[in-house]
Amino acid sequence: MINITDFKENLGLREIPVELEKLIYFQNNISAFENYSQGFGVLIDDKSGLRSWSDDEEFLNRLIPFAQANGTGSFYTIWNDGSNQPLNQMPIVVFGDEGGVHIVAENILQLLHLLTYDSEIWVDFDQAYFYKNKKSYEESEDFSQYLKWMKGDYNLTQIEEPNELIKTAQEKHKENFDKWFRQYFNED
């Protein structure tokens, strides 16, 4: 169970995006960690994963880790891109356990839509993408409840082409993110 107050305090925030607060409620009361979308779960993060990239305070302050992305250690963050938009309009970045870092969604709601694919995200150095082996796929235990919740709260149905959404988000934010990111971690 994630306590919203503890979640906010851990990140040093007074408020979190309403979409994230509702997702935490869903995870706490309707489903459970990793039970509604494969490999995904909201968690309280101490930024230790980010510190493995850089200890620079500006770097750490502009990234808000909030969820496990897959079962191998990748995680999602909100990137405060400096545009003074509300947090729920900030881009979502995945930090891969193997080293890749990529924009995956334009905002938290788009990430929630990606989760309707019910597959772990794959993150390598060159790209982040969703792949589902249709022959061996097993639906997450509470996936149907997640789809019902997404339809009821956001009027969104199961996504068919998640990688198209990632591509659109990258076209909009990748160049700015990469420029910002490189000042803290040189990829070469």
N, C-alpha and C. Protein backbone atom coordinates (compact mmCIF):
# COMPACT_ATOMS: atom_id res chain seq x y z
N MET A 1 0.83 -1.19 0.00
CA MET A 1 0.00 0.00 0.00
C MET A 1 0.88 1.25 0.00
N ILE A 2 0.56 2.16 -0.88
CA ILE A 2 1.29 3.42 -0.94
C ILE A 2 0.47 4.49 -0.23
N ASN A 3 1.07 5.13 0.74
CA ASN A 3 0.45 6.25 1.43
C ASN A 3 0.74 7.51 0.60
N ILE A 4 -0.30 8.20 0.18
CA ILE A 4 -0.14 9.40 -0.67
C ILE A 4 0.72 10.45 0.01
N THR A 5 0.52 10.67 1.30
CA THR A 5 1.32 11.67 2.03
C THR A 5 2.79 11.29 2.00
N ASP A 6 3.10 10.03 2.27
CA ASP A 6 4.49 9.57 2.23
C ASP A 6 5.06 9.69 0.82
N PHE A 7 4.25 9.38 -0.18
CA PHE A 7 4.68 9.47 -1.57
C PHE A 7 5.07 10.91 -1.90
N LYS A 8 4.23 11.87 -1.54
CA LYS A 8 4.50 13.29 -1.80
C LYS A 8 5.73 13.76 -1.03
N GLU A 9 5.81 13.42 0.26
CA GLU A 9 6.94 13.84 1.09
C GLU A 9 8.25 13.29 0.56
N ASN A 10 8.26 12.03 0.14
CA ASN A 10 9.46 11.42 -0.39
C ASN A 10 9.99 12.19 -1.59
N LEU A 11 9.09 12.68 -2.43
CA LEU A 11 9.49 13.41 -3.62
C LEU A 11 9.63 14.91 -3.38
N GLY A 12 9.30 15.37 -2.18
CA GLY A 12 9.38 16.79 -1.86
C GLY A 12 8.32 17.60 -2.58
N LEU A 13 7.15 17.01 -2.79
CA LEU A 13 6.07 17.68 -3.51
C LEU A 13 4.89 17.94 -2.59
N ARG A 14 4.23 19.06 -2.83
CA ARG A 14 2.98 19.34 -2.12
C ARG A 14 1.81 18.65 -2.81
N GLU A 15 1.91 18.57 -4.13
CA GLU A 15 0.85 17.94 -4.91
C GLU A 15 1.48 17.03 -5.95
N ILE A 16 0.72 16.02 -6.33
CA ILE A 16 1.12 15.16 -7.43
C ILE A 16 0.00 15.22 -8.47
N PRO A 17 0.29 14.87 -9.70
CA PRO A 17 -0.77 14.90 -10.72
C PRO A 17 -1.97 14.07 -10.28
N VAL A 18 -3.15 14.58 -10.51
CA VAL A 18 -4.38 13.89 -10.11
C VAL A 18 -4.44 12.50 -10.76
N GLU A 19 -3.94 12.38 -11.98
CA GLU A 19 -3.92 11.08 -12.65
C GLU A 19 -3.08 10.07 -11.87
N LEU A 20 -1.97 10.53 -11.32
CA LEU A 20 -1.10 9.66 -10.53
C LEU A 20 -1.75 9.33 -9.20
N GLU A 21 -2.39 10.30 -8.59
CA GLU A 21 -3.09 10.05 -7.33
C GLU A 21 -4.21 9.02 -7.53
N LYS A 22 -4.95 9.15 -8.62
CA LYS A 22 -6.02 8.18 -8.91
C LYS A 22 -5.44 6.79 -9.20
N LEU A 23 -4.29 6.75 -9.88
CA LEU A 23 -3.65 5.46 -10.16
C LEU A 23 -3.20 4.80 -8.86
N ILE A 24 -2.67 5.57 -7.94
CA ILE A 24 -2.27 5.02 -6.64
C ILE A 24 -3.50 4.46 -5.92
N TYR A 25 -4.60 5.19 -5.98
CA TYR A 25 -5.85 4.68 -5.38
C TYR A 25 -6.23 3.35 -6.04
N PHE A 26 -6.18 3.31 -7.36
CA PHE A 26 -6.51 2.08 -8.09
C PHE A 26 -5.60 0.94 -7.64
N GLN A 27 -4.30 1.19 -7.59
CA GLN A 27 -3.34 0.15 -7.21
C GLN A 27 -3.57 -0.30 -5.77
N ASN A 28 -3.88 0.64 -4.87
CA ASN A 28 -4.08 0.31 -3.46
C ASN A 28 -5.39 -0.42 -3.18
N ASN A 29 -6.46 -0.05 -3.91
CA ASN A 29 -7.80 -0.49 -3.53
C ASN A 29 -8.48 -1.46 -4.50
N ILE A 30 -8.06 -1.47 -5.74
CA ILE A 30 -8.73 -2.30 -6.73
C ILE A 30 -7.80 -3.41 -7.22
N SER A 31 -6.52 -3.12 -7.28
CA SER A 31 -5.56 -4.08 -7.80
C SER A 31 -4.37 -4.15 -6.86
N ALA A 32 -3.20 -4.38 -7.41
CA ALA A 32 -1.96 -4.43 -6.63
C ALA A 32 -0.78 -4.21 -7.57
N PHE A 33 0.38 -3.96 -6.99
CA PHE A 33 1.62 -3.76 -7.72
C PHE A 33 1.82 -4.89 -8.73
N GLU A 34 2.05 -4.54 -9.99
CA GLU A 34 2.28 -5.47 -11.10
C GLU A 34 1.07 -6.34 -11.48
N ASN A 35 -0.09 -6.11 -10.91
CA ASN A 35 -1.25 -6.96 -11.18
C ASN A 35 -2.16 -6.44 -12.29
N TYR A 36 -2.01 -5.19 -12.71
CA TYR A 36 -2.92 -4.63 -13.71
C TYR A 36 -2.25 -4.36 -15.05
N SER A 37 -0.94 -4.30 -15.08
CA SER A 37 -0.19 -4.16 -16.32
C SER A 37 1.19 -4.77 -16.07
N GLN A 38 1.61 -5.65 -16.94
CA GLN A 38 2.82 -6.44 -16.71
C GLN A 38 4.04 -5.58 -16.41
N GLY A 39 4.68 -5.92 -15.29
CA GLY A 39 5.93 -5.28 -14.90
C GLY A 39 5.80 -3.90 -14.29
N PHE A 40 4.59 -3.33 -14.26
CA PHE A 40 4.41 -1.95 -13.82
C PHE A 40 3.87 -1.89 -12.39
N GLY A 41 4.33 -0.89 -11.68
CA GLY A 41 3.78 -0.60 -10.37
C GLY A 41 4.28 0.73 -9.86
N VAL A 42 3.38 1.52 -9.27
CA VAL A 42 3.77 2.77 -8.63
C VAL A 42 4.48 2.41 -7.34
N LEU A 43 5.56 3.15 -7.05
CA LEU A 43 6.32 2.89 -5.83
C LEU A 43 6.91 4.18 -5.29
N ILE A 44 7.30 4.12 -4.04
CA ILE A 44 8.01 5.24 -3.42
C ILE A 44 9.48 5.03 -3.71
N ASP A 45 10.11 5.98 -4.38
CA ASP A 45 11.47 5.85 -4.87
C ASP A 45 12.37 6.86 -4.17
N ASP A 46 13.52 6.43 -3.71
CA ASP A 46 14.46 7.32 -3.02
C ASP A 46 15.48 7.98 -3.95
N LYS A 47 15.27 7.85 -5.24
CA LYS A 47 16.13 8.41 -6.29
C LYS A 47 17.50 7.74 -6.37
N SER A 48 17.66 6.59 -5.72
CA SER A 48 18.96 5.91 -5.79
C SER A 48 19.26 5.47 -7.23
N GLY A 49 18.23 5.07 -7.98
CA GLY A 49 18.44 4.71 -9.38
C GLY A 49 18.93 5.89 -10.19
N LEU A 50 18.37 7.07 -9.92
CA LEU A 50 18.82 8.28 -10.62
C LEU A 50 20.24 8.67 -10.20
N ARG A 51 20.57 8.46 -8.93
CA ARG A 51 21.91 8.81 -8.44
C ARG A 51 22.99 7.98 -9.12
N SER A 52 22.61 6.83 -9.66
CA SER A 52 23.61 6.04 -10.39
C SER A 52 23.97 6.72 -11.71
N TRP A 53 23.15 7.66 -12.15
CA TRP A 53 23.42 8.43 -13.36
C TRP A 53 24.17 9.71 -13.02
N SER A 54 23.69 10.42 -11.98
CA SER A 54 24.33 11.68 -11.59
C SER A 54 23.86 12.07 -10.19
N ASP A 55 24.78 12.65 -9.41
CA ASP A 55 24.43 13.18 -8.09
C ASP A 55 24.13 14.67 -8.13
N ASP A 56 24.21 15.26 -9.31
CA ASP A 56 23.97 16.69 -9.45
C ASP A 56 22.55 17.02 -8.98
N GLU A 57 22.44 17.98 -8.07
CA GLU A 57 21.13 18.33 -7.50
C GLU A 57 20.15 18.84 -8.55
N GLU A 58 20.61 19.59 -9.53
CA GLU A 58 19.72 20.08 -10.60
C GLU A 58 19.14 18.90 -11.38
N PHE A 59 19.97 17.92 -11.67
CA PHE A 59 19.53 16.71 -12.35
C PHE A 59 18.47 16.00 -11.51
N LEU A 60 18.75 15.76 -10.25
CA LEU A 60 17.84 15.05 -9.36
C LEU A 60 16.53 15.81 -9.14
N ASN A 61 16.61 17.13 -9.06
CA ASN A 61 15.42 17.94 -8.81
C ASN A 61 14.47 18.01 -9.99
N ARG A 62 14.96 17.80 -11.19
CA ARG A 62 14.11 17.91 -12.38
C ARG A 62 13.48 16.58 -12.79
N LEU A 63 13.83 15.50 -12.10
CA LEU A 63 13.29 14.17 -12.41
C LEU A 63 12.56 13.62 -11.19
N ILE A 64 11.36 13.12 -11.43
CA ILE A 64 10.52 12.62 -10.36
C ILE A 64 10.20 11.14 -10.63
N PRO A 65 11.00 10.23 -10.05
CA PRO A 65 10.74 8.81 -10.26
C PRO A 65 9.49 8.38 -9.48
N PHE A 66 8.63 7.60 -10.14
CA PHE A 66 7.37 7.25 -9.48
C PHE A 66 6.91 5.82 -9.71
N ALA A 67 7.56 5.08 -10.62
CA ALA A 67 7.05 3.74 -10.90
C ALA A 67 8.12 2.83 -11.47
N GLN A 68 7.95 1.55 -11.18
CA GLN A 68 8.73 0.51 -11.82
C GLN A 68 8.18 0.34 -13.23
N ALA A 69 9.07 0.24 -14.21
CA ALA A 69 8.64 0.12 -15.61
C ALA A 69 8.58 -1.33 -16.08
N ASN A 70 9.45 -2.15 -15.53
CA ASN A 70 9.45 -3.58 -15.89
C ASN A 70 10.08 -4.37 -14.76
N GLY A 71 10.09 -5.66 -14.91
CA GLY A 71 10.59 -6.52 -13.84
C GLY A 71 12.09 -6.62 -13.74
N THR A 72 12.83 -5.90 -14.58
CA THR A 72 14.28 -6.00 -14.56
C THR A 72 14.98 -4.75 -14.02
N GLY A 73 14.22 -3.78 -13.52
CA GLY A 73 14.83 -2.62 -12.88
C GLY A 73 14.68 -1.30 -13.58
N SER A 74 14.05 -1.27 -14.72
CA SER A 74 13.80 0.02 -15.39
C SER A 74 12.72 0.77 -14.61
N PHE A 75 12.76 2.11 -14.70
CA PHE A 75 11.78 2.89 -13.95
C PHE A 75 11.37 4.14 -14.73
N TYR A 76 10.16 4.62 -14.40
CA TYR A 76 9.60 5.82 -15.04
C TYR A 76 9.79 7.04 -14.15
N THR A 77 10.06 8.17 -14.80
CA THR A 77 10.14 9.45 -14.11
C THR A 77 9.32 10.48 -14.88
N ILE A 78 8.89 11.49 -14.15
CA ILE A 78 8.34 12.70 -14.78
C ILE A 78 9.53 13.63 -14.94
N TRP A 79 9.70 14.18 -16.14
CA TRP A 79 10.78 15.14 -16.38
C TRP A 79 10.21 16.55 -16.35
N ASN A 80 10.63 17.33 -15.36
CA ASN A 80 10.26 18.74 -15.32
C ASN A 80 11.11 19.43 -16.38
N ASP A 81 10.50 19.69 -17.52
CA ASP A 81 11.24 20.22 -18.66
C ASP A 81 11.48 21.73 -18.60
N GLY A 82 11.07 22.35 -17.49
CA GLY A 82 11.31 23.78 -17.33
C GLY A 82 10.29 24.65 -18.03
N SER A 83 9.23 24.07 -18.55
CA SER A 83 8.22 24.83 -19.31
C SER A 83 7.15 25.46 -18.41
N ASN A 84 7.24 25.26 -17.11
CA ASN A 84 6.28 25.78 -16.14
C ASN A 84 4.86 25.25 -16.34
N GLN A 85 4.76 24.12 -17.01
CA GLN A 85 3.47 23.42 -17.14
C GLN A 85 3.19 22.69 -15.82
N PRO A 86 1.92 22.35 -15.57
CA PRO A 86 1.64 21.49 -14.41
C PRO A 86 2.33 20.13 -14.60
N LEU A 87 2.63 19.46 -13.49
CA LEU A 87 3.33 18.17 -13.56
C LEU A 87 2.61 17.15 -14.43
N ASN A 88 1.28 17.21 -14.48
CA ASN A 88 0.57 16.22 -15.29
C ASN A 88 0.72 16.46 -16.79
N GLN A 89 1.36 17.55 -17.18
CA GLN A 89 1.62 17.84 -18.58
C GLN A 89 3.10 17.68 -18.95
N MET A 90 3.89 17.23 -17.99
CA MET A 90 5.33 17.04 -18.23
C MET A 90 5.59 15.69 -18.89
N PRO A 91 6.65 15.59 -19.69
CA PRO A 91 7.00 14.33 -20.36
C PRO A 91 7.40 13.23 -19.37
N ILE A 92 7.17 11.99 -19.81
CA ILE A 92 7.55 10.81 -19.03
C ILE A 92 8.77 10.18 -19.69
N VAL A 93 9.77 9.85 -18.87
CA VAL A 93 11.02 9.26 -19.33
C VAL A 93 11.19 7.89 -18.67
N VAL A 94 11.68 6.93 -19.44
CA VAL A 94 12.03 5.64 -18.86
C VAL A 94 13.55 5.56 -18.78
N PHE A 95 14.03 5.15 -17.62
CA PHE A 95 15.45 4.87 -17.40
C PHE A 95 15.59 3.36 -17.41
N GLY A 96 16.32 2.84 -18.36
CA GLY A 96 16.47 1.40 -18.51
C GLY A 96 17.54 0.82 -17.62
N ASP A 97 17.30 -0.39 -17.16
CA ASP A 97 18.27 -1.07 -16.31
C ASP A 97 19.54 -1.41 -17.07
N GLU A 98 19.49 -1.42 -18.40
CA GLU A 98 20.67 -1.70 -19.22
C GLU A 98 21.32 -0.42 -19.74
N GLY A 99 20.78 0.75 -19.38
CA GLY A 99 21.44 2.00 -19.73
C GLY A 99 20.70 2.94 -20.65
N GLY A 100 19.71 2.50 -21.38
CA GLY A 100 18.98 3.40 -22.26
C GLY A 100 18.08 4.35 -21.49
N VAL A 101 17.94 5.56 -21.98
CA VAL A 101 17.07 6.58 -21.37
C VAL A 101 16.27 7.21 -22.50
N HIS A 102 14.93 7.15 -22.39
CA HIS A 102 14.10 7.60 -23.51
C HIS A 102 12.80 8.25 -23.05
N ILE A 103 12.38 9.27 -23.78
CA ILE A 103 11.03 9.81 -23.63
C ILE A 103 10.07 8.72 -24.11
N VAL A 104 8.99 8.48 -23.34
CA VAL A 104 8.02 7.46 -23.76
C VAL A 104 6.60 7.99 -23.87
N ALA A 105 6.32 9.13 -23.22
CA ALA A 105 4.96 9.68 -23.27
C ALA A 105 5.03 11.19 -23.07
N GLU A 106 4.06 11.88 -23.65
CA GLU A 106 4.02 13.33 -23.51
C GLU A 106 3.59 13.76 -22.12
N ASN A 107 2.88 12.88 -21.40
CA ASN A 107 2.38 13.21 -20.06
C ASN A 107 1.94 11.93 -19.36
N ILE A 108 1.53 12.07 -18.11
CA ILE A 108 1.17 10.91 -17.30
C ILE A 108 -0.03 10.15 -17.88
N LEU A 109 -1.01 10.86 -18.43
CA LEU A 109 -2.17 10.18 -19.00
C LEU A 109 -1.78 9.31 -20.19
N GLN A 110 -0.86 9.78 -21.00
CA GLN A 110 -0.39 8.95 -22.12
C GLN A 110 0.32 7.70 -21.61
N LEU A 111 1.06 7.83 -20.52
CA LEU A 111 1.69 6.64 -19.94
C LEU A 111 0.62 5.66 -19.48
N LEU A 112 -0.41 6.15 -18.83
CA LEU A 112 -1.49 5.28 -18.38
C LEU A 112 -2.13 4.56 -19.57
N HIS A 113 -2.23 5.27 -20.69
CA HIS A 113 -2.77 4.66 -21.90
C HIS A 113 -1.82 3.57 -22.41
N LEU A 114 -0.52 3.82 -22.38
CA LEU A 114 0.46 2.80 -22.79
C LEU A 114 0.31 1.52 -21.96
N LEU A 115 -0.01 1.68 -20.69
CA LEU A 115 -0.15 0.52 -19.82
C LEU A 115 -1.30 -0.38 -20.22
N THR A 116 -2.24 0.14 -21.02
CA THR A 116 -3.35 -0.70 -21.48
C THR A 116 -2.89 -1.73 -22.51
N TYR A 117 -1.65 -1.69 -22.92
CA TYR A 117 -1.11 -2.73 -23.81
C TYR A 117 -0.80 -4.00 -23.02
N ASP A 118 -0.63 -3.86 -21.71
CA ASP A 118 -0.39 -4.99 -20.80
C ASP A 118 0.84 -5.79 -21.21
N SER A 119 1.94 -5.08 -21.36
CA SER A 119 3.22 -5.72 -21.67
C SER A 119 4.32 -4.87 -21.05
N GLU A 120 5.38 -5.52 -20.61
CA GLU A 120 6.51 -4.76 -20.08
C GLU A 120 7.17 -3.96 -21.21
N ILE A 121 7.68 -2.79 -20.86
CA ILE A 121 8.42 -2.01 -21.83
C ILE A 121 9.84 -2.59 -21.94
N TRP A 122 10.36 -2.60 -23.15
CA TRP A 122 11.73 -3.02 -23.42
C TRP A 122 12.55 -1.74 -23.59
N VAL A 123 13.67 -1.68 -22.91
CA VAL A 123 14.51 -0.48 -22.97
C VAL A 123 15.94 -0.90 -23.29
N ASP A 124 16.42 -0.45 -24.45
CA ASP A 124 17.83 -0.66 -24.76
C ASP A 124 18.45 0.70 -25.05
N PHE A 125 19.70 0.71 -25.46
CA PHE A 125 20.38 1.99 -25.67
C PHE A 125 19.73 2.82 -26.76
N ASP A 126 19.26 2.18 -27.81
CA ASP A 126 18.74 2.91 -28.97
C ASP A 126 17.26 3.23 -28.92
N GLN A 127 16.49 2.47 -28.16
CA GLN A 127 15.05 2.70 -28.18
C GLN A 127 14.35 2.07 -26.98
N ALA A 128 13.13 2.52 -26.77
CA ALA A 128 12.22 1.92 -25.80
C ALA A 128 10.97 1.54 -26.58
N TYR A 129 10.47 0.36 -26.34
CA TYR A 129 9.34 -0.11 -27.12
C TYR A 129 8.58 -1.19 -26.37
N PHE A 130 7.36 -1.41 -26.80
CA PHE A 130 6.53 -2.49 -26.27
C PHE A 130 6.47 -3.61 -27.30
N TYR A 131 6.56 -4.82 -26.79
CA TYR A 131 6.46 -6.00 -27.64
C TYR A 131 5.66 -7.04 -26.87
N LYS A 132 4.79 -7.72 -27.58
CA LYS A 132 3.99 -8.77 -26.95
C LYS A 132 4.01 -10.00 -27.84
N ASN A 133 4.47 -11.11 -27.30
CA ASN A 133 4.42 -12.37 -28.02
C ASN A 133 3.00 -12.92 -27.85
N LYS A 134 2.22 -12.80 -28.88
CA LYS A 134 0.80 -13.17 -28.82
C LYS A 134 0.60 -14.65 -28.44
N LYS A 135 1.55 -15.51 -28.79
CA LYS A 135 1.40 -16.94 -28.50
C LYS A 135 1.57 -17.25 -27.01
N SER A 136 2.48 -16.55 -26.34
CA SER A 136 2.75 -16.85 -24.94
C SER A 136 2.18 -15.80 -23.98
N TYR A 137 1.51 -14.79 -24.50
CA TYR A 137 0.96 -13.71 -23.67
C TYR A 137 -0.10 -14.24 -22.69
N GLU A 138 0.03 -13.83 -21.44
CA GLU A 138 -0.98 -14.10 -20.43
C GLU A 138 -1.40 -12.76 -19.83
N GLU A 139 -2.68 -12.49 -19.91
CA GLU A 139 -3.22 -11.22 -19.41
C GLU A 139 -2.95 -11.08 -17.91
N SER A 140 -2.60 -9.86 -17.50
CA SER A 140 -2.41 -9.57 -16.08
C SER A 140 -3.70 -9.84 -15.31
N GLU A 141 -3.54 -10.24 -14.07
CA GLU A 141 -4.67 -10.68 -13.25
C GLU A 141 -5.81 -9.65 -13.20
N ASP A 142 -5.49 -8.38 -13.03
CA ASP A 142 -6.51 -7.34 -12.90
C ASP A 142 -6.59 -6.43 -14.13
N PHE A 143 -6.12 -6.94 -15.25
CA PHE A 143 -6.10 -6.13 -16.47
C PHE A 143 -7.49 -5.65 -16.88
N SER A 144 -8.48 -6.50 -16.80
CA SER A 144 -9.84 -6.10 -17.21
C SER A 144 -10.36 -4.98 -16.32
N GLN A 145 -10.03 -5.00 -15.02
CA GLN A 145 -10.43 -3.91 -14.12
C GLN A 145 -9.71 -2.61 -14.51
N TYR A 146 -8.44 -2.74 -14.92
CA TYR A 146 -7.69 -1.55 -15.34
C TYR A 146 -8.33 -0.94 -16.59
N LEU A 147 -8.66 -1.77 -17.56
CA LEU A 147 -9.31 -1.26 -18.78
C LEU A 147 -10.64 -0.59 -18.45
N LYS A 148 -11.39 -1.20 -17.55
CA LYS A 148 -12.68 -0.61 -17.14
C LYS A 148 -12.46 0.74 -16.47
N TRP A 149 -11.45 0.81 -15.61
CA TRP A 149 -11.13 2.07 -14.93
C TRP A 149 -10.69 3.14 -15.93
N MET A 150 -9.84 2.78 -16.87
CA MET A 150 -9.38 3.74 -17.89
C MET A 150 -10.54 4.24 -18.74
N LYS A 151 -11.44 3.36 -19.09
CA LYS A 151 -12.61 3.76 -19.89
C LYS A 151 -13.51 4.68 -19.07
N GLY A 152 -13.74 4.33 -17.82
CA GLY A 152 -14.62 5.12 -16.96
C GLY A 152 -14.06 6.48 -16.58
N ASP A 153 -12.78 6.52 -16.25
CA ASP A 153 -12.18 7.78 -15.78
C ASP A 153 -11.65 8.65 -16.92
N TYR A 154 -11.19 8.05 -18.01
CA TYR A 154 -10.51 8.83 -19.06
C TYR A 154 -11.06 8.59 -20.46
N ASN A 155 -12.06 7.73 -20.57
CA ASN A 155 -12.66 7.39 -21.86
C ASN A 155 -11.61 6.87 -22.85
N LEU A 156 -10.65 6.11 -22.34
CA LEU A 156 -9.60 5.51 -23.16
C LEU A 156 -9.77 4.00 -23.19
N THR A 157 -9.58 3.42 -24.35
CA THR A 157 -9.68 1.97 -24.52
C THR A 157 -8.27 1.41 -24.70
N GLN A 158 -8.18 0.10 -24.83
CA GLN A 158 -6.89 -0.55 -24.98
C GLN A 158 -6.15 -0.03 -26.21
N ILE A 159 -4.89 0.31 -26.02
CA ILE A 159 -4.07 0.82 -27.11
C ILE A 159 -3.62 -0.35 -28.00
N GLU A 160 -3.67 -0.13 -29.29
CA GLU A 160 -3.27 -1.17 -30.24
C GLU A 160 -1.83 -0.99 -30.72
N GLU A 161 -1.38 0.24 -30.84
CA GLU A 161 -0.04 0.55 -31.35
C GLU A 161 0.71 1.45 -30.36
N PRO A 162 1.17 0.91 -29.24
CA PRO A 162 1.83 1.75 -28.24
C PRO A 162 3.09 2.43 -28.75
N ASN A 163 3.80 1.79 -29.66
CA ASN A 163 5.05 2.36 -30.15
C ASN A 163 4.82 3.61 -30.99
N GLU A 164 3.65 3.75 -31.57
CA GLU A 164 3.30 4.99 -32.29
C GLU A 164 3.18 6.15 -31.31
N LEU A 165 2.59 5.89 -30.15
CA LEU A 165 2.47 6.93 -29.12
C LEU A 165 3.86 7.35 -28.63
N ILE A 166 4.74 6.38 -28.43
CA ILE A 166 6.12 6.68 -28.02
C ILE A 166 6.80 7.53 -29.09
N LYS A 167 6.64 7.16 -30.33
CA LYS A 167 7.26 7.89 -31.45
C LYS A 167 6.80 9.35 -31.46
N THR A 168 5.51 9.57 -31.28
CA THR A 168 4.96 10.93 -31.26
C THR A 168 5.53 11.74 -30.09
N ALA A 169 5.62 11.12 -28.92
CA ALA A 169 6.19 11.80 -27.75
C ALA A 169 7.65 12.15 -27.98
N GLN A 170 8.38 11.24 -28.61
CA GLN A 170 9.79 11.50 -28.88
C GLN A 170 9.97 12.61 -29.91
N GLU A 171 9.12 12.64 -30.92
CA GLU A 171 9.20 13.72 -31.91
C GLU A 171 9.02 15.08 -31.25
N LYS A 172 8.20 15.12 -30.23
CA LYS A 172 7.91 16.39 -29.55
C LYS A 172 8.97 16.76 -28.51
N HIS A 173 9.54 15.77 -27.79
CA HIS A 173 10.38 16.08 -26.63
C HIS A 173 11.81 15.55 -26.66
N LYS A 174 12.14 14.61 -27.53
CA LYS A 174 13.43 13.94 -27.49
C LYS A 174 14.61 14.90 -27.63
N GLU A 175 14.55 15.78 -28.60
CA GLU A 175 15.68 16.69 -28.84
C GLU A 175 15.98 17.53 -27.60
N ASN A 176 14.94 18.11 -26.99
CA ASN A 176 15.15 18.94 -25.80
C ASN A 176 15.62 18.12 -24.62
N PHE A 177 15.04 16.93 -24.46
CA PHE A 177 15.46 16.08 -23.35
C PHE A 177 16.92 15.66 -23.52
N ASP A 178 17.28 15.20 -24.70
CA ASP A 178 18.66 14.75 -24.93
C ASP A 178 19.66 15.87 -24.67
N LYS A 179 19.33 17.07 -25.11
CA LYS A 179 20.22 18.23 -24.88
C LYS A 179 20.36 18.49 -23.38
N TRP A 180 19.25 18.46 -22.66
CA TRP A 180 19.28 18.68 -21.22
C TRP A 180 20.06 17.55 -20.53
N PHE A 181 19.77 16.32 -20.90
CA PHE A 181 20.36 15.15 -20.26
C PHE A 181 21.88 15.09 -20.45
N ARG A 182 22.35 15.42 -21.63
CA ARG A 182 23.78 15.32 -21.96
C ARG A 182 24.66 16.17 -21.06
N GLN A 183 24.11 17.24 -20.52
CA GLN A 183 24.94 18.08 -19.65
C GLN A 183 25.29 17.38 -18.35
N TYR A 184 24.55 16.34 -18.00
CA TYR A 184 24.81 15.59 -16.76
C TYR A 184 25.47 14.25 -17.01
N PHE A 185 25.20 13.70 -18.19
CA PHE A 185 25.72 12.37 -18.48
C PHE A 185 26.04 12.32 -19.96
N ASN A 186 27.28 12.20 -20.28
CA ASN A 186 27.68 12.13 -21.68
C ASN A 186 27.52 10.69 -22.17
N GLU A 187 26.65 10.50 -23.16
CA GLU A 187 26.35 9.17 -23.66
C GLU A 187 27.50 8.55 -24.46
N ASP A 188 28.44 9.34 -24.92
CA ASP A 188 29.53 8.82 -25.76
C ASP A 188 30.55 8.05 -24.98
